[in-house]
Protein backbone atom coordinates (compact mmCIF):
# COMPACT_ATOMS: atom_id res chain seq x y z
CA UNK A 1 21.80 135.03 -1.92
CA UNK A 2 20.72 134.59 1.68
CA UNK A 3 17.68 132.54 2.68
CA UNK A 4 16.16 135.57 4.43
CA UNK A 5 16.25 137.49 1.10
CA UNK A 6 14.63 134.54 -0.68
CA UNK A 7 11.84 134.34 1.89
CA UNK A 8 11.19 138.09 1.54
CA UNK A 9 10.89 137.65 -2.23
CA UNK A 10 8.57 134.66 -1.87
CA UNK A 11 6.37 136.49 0.66
CA UNK A 12 4.57 138.53 -2.02
CA UNK A 13 1.79 136.86 -4.05
CA UNK A 14 2.59 138.77 -7.25
CA UNK A 15 6.26 137.81 -7.04
CA UNK A 16 5.25 134.17 -6.49
CA UNK A 17 3.03 134.37 -9.56
CA UNK A 18 5.89 135.81 -11.63
CA UNK A 19 8.39 133.24 -10.38
CA UNK A 20 5.95 130.39 -10.93
CA UNK A 21 5.92 131.23 -14.66
CA UNK A 22 9.62 132.04 -14.87
CA UNK A 23 10.42 128.66 -13.33
CA UNK A 24 8.91 127.13 -16.47
CA UNK A 25 10.75 129.35 -18.97
CA UNK A 26 12.26 132.71 -19.74
CA UNK A 27 9.58 135.29 -20.52
CA UNK A 28 9.38 138.83 -21.82
CA UNK A 29 7.92 141.58 -19.65
CA UNK A 30 4.99 141.95 -22.07
CA UNK A 31 4.32 138.19 -21.86
CA UNK A 32 4.25 138.35 -18.07
CA UNK A 33 1.98 141.39 -18.19
CA UNK A 34 -0.38 139.57 -20.56
CA UNK A 35 -0.37 136.25 -18.68
CA UNK A 36 -0.74 137.69 -15.19
CA UNK A 37 -2.85 140.77 -15.86
CA UNK A 38 -0.45 142.89 -13.81
CA UNK A 39 0.21 146.49 -14.85
CA UNK A 40 3.57 147.16 -16.46
CA UNK A 41 4.62 149.53 -13.66
CA UNK A 42 3.73 147.04 -10.91
CA UNK A 43 5.43 144.21 -12.80
CA UNK A 44 8.57 146.28 -13.38
CA UNK A 45 8.76 147.09 -9.67
CA UNK A 46 8.73 143.39 -8.76
CA UNK A 47 11.16 142.39 -11.52
CA UNK A 48 13.59 145.15 -10.49
CA UNK A 49 13.44 144.09 -6.82
CA UNK A 50 14.08 140.42 -7.68
CA UNK A 51 16.85 141.31 -10.15
CA UNK A 52 18.59 143.61 -7.67
CA UNK A 53 18.47 140.82 -5.08
CA UNK A 54 20.17 138.46 -7.55
CA UNK A 55 17.15 136.19 -7.97
CA UNK A 56 16.58 136.98 -11.65
CA UNK A 57 18.73 137.74 -14.62
CA UNK A 58 17.53 139.81 -17.50
CA UNK A 59 18.52 140.45 -21.08
CA UNK A 60 17.35 142.77 -23.82
CA UNK A 61 16.46 141.77 -27.33
CA UNK A 62 15.55 144.75 -29.49
CA UNK A 63 12.92 146.65 -27.48
CA UNK A 64 11.93 143.66 -25.33
CA UNK A 65 13.28 142.72 -21.89
CA UNK A 66 13.39 139.03 -20.96
CA UNK A 67 13.79 137.54 -17.49
CA UNK A 68 14.62 134.16 -16.04
CA UNK A 69 15.46 132.75 -12.63
CA UNK A 70 19.21 132.61 -11.98
CA UNK A 71 20.43 129.01 -12.24
CA UNK A 72 22.79 129.60 -9.31
CA UNK A 73 19.91 130.53 -7.01
CA UNK A 74 18.16 127.24 -7.79
CA UNK A 75 21.40 125.26 -7.50
CA UNK A 76 22.43 126.89 -4.21
CA UNK A 77 18.97 126.54 -2.64
CA UNK A 78 17.42 123.18 -3.59
CA UNK A 79 14.38 123.83 -1.40
CA UNK A 80 13.23 126.25 -4.12
CA UNK A 81 12.86 123.41 -6.60
CA UNK A 82 10.63 121.61 -4.12
CA UNK A 83 8.53 124.74 -3.69
CA UNK A 84 8.14 125.28 -7.46
CA UNK A 85 7.71 121.65 -8.44
CA UNK A 86 5.52 120.46 -5.56
CA UNK A 87 4.11 123.08 -3.21
CA UNK A 88 3.00 125.69 -5.75
CA UNK A 89 1.24 122.98 -7.77
CA UNK A 90 -1.23 122.75 -4.88
CA UNK A 91 -2.42 126.33 -5.49
CA UNK A 92 -5.28 126.42 -7.98
CA UNK A 93 -4.74 129.97 -9.21
CA UNK A 94 -1.05 129.27 -9.88
CA UNK A 95 -1.93 126.14 -11.82
CA UNK A 96 -4.46 128.17 -13.83
CA UNK A 97 -1.68 130.58 -14.75
CA UNK A 98 0.59 127.70 -15.79
CA UNK A 99 -2.24 126.39 -17.98
CA UNK A 100 -2.58 129.86 -19.49
CA UNK A 101 1.19 129.80 -20.17
CA UNK A 102 0.85 126.44 -21.95
CA UNK A 103 -2.05 127.75 -24.04
CA UNK A 104 -0.01 130.85 -24.87
CA UNK A 105 3.00 128.76 -25.91
CA UNK A 106 0.78 126.80 -28.31
CA UNK A 107 -0.70 129.98 -29.81
CA UNK A 108 0.52 132.24 -32.59
CA UNK A 109 0.91 135.21 -30.26
CA UNK A 110 4.25 137.03 -30.23
CA UNK A 111 5.60 139.88 -28.15
CA UNK A 112 4.65 142.26 -30.96
CA UNK A 113 1.02 140.98 -30.93
CA UNK A 114 0.84 141.13 -27.16
CA UNK A 115 2.19 144.68 -27.08
CA UNK A 116 -0.53 145.72 -29.51
CA UNK A 117 -3.20 143.93 -27.42
CA UNK A 118 -2.06 145.50 -24.16
CA UNK A 119 -1.82 148.99 -25.69
CA UNK A 120 -5.37 148.95 -27.03
């Protein structure tokens, strides 16, 4: 992946928000939708763009799609680790979303529960 492609991906706030959470752990589309408050169609558009560029890898488990950042992208471009581990921590709204992720991880919510919450 070329640096220019990475910078294009990082230039969108919603993609930064998604990547900020995916840097912490693999997440399902419904989890991202719940945590970020982004519509499923908007989220899918961003995930597809980042996957097609080679930034993300996805997998399916039953009816759920999970995404994570490609290890090779992080290994080949160490400046990304600095961005995720240092620079993004300076942004209050991104830290709020990481706190929401931590609260979610400690909860009893599952993808099935979230899907029901989002649908209602």
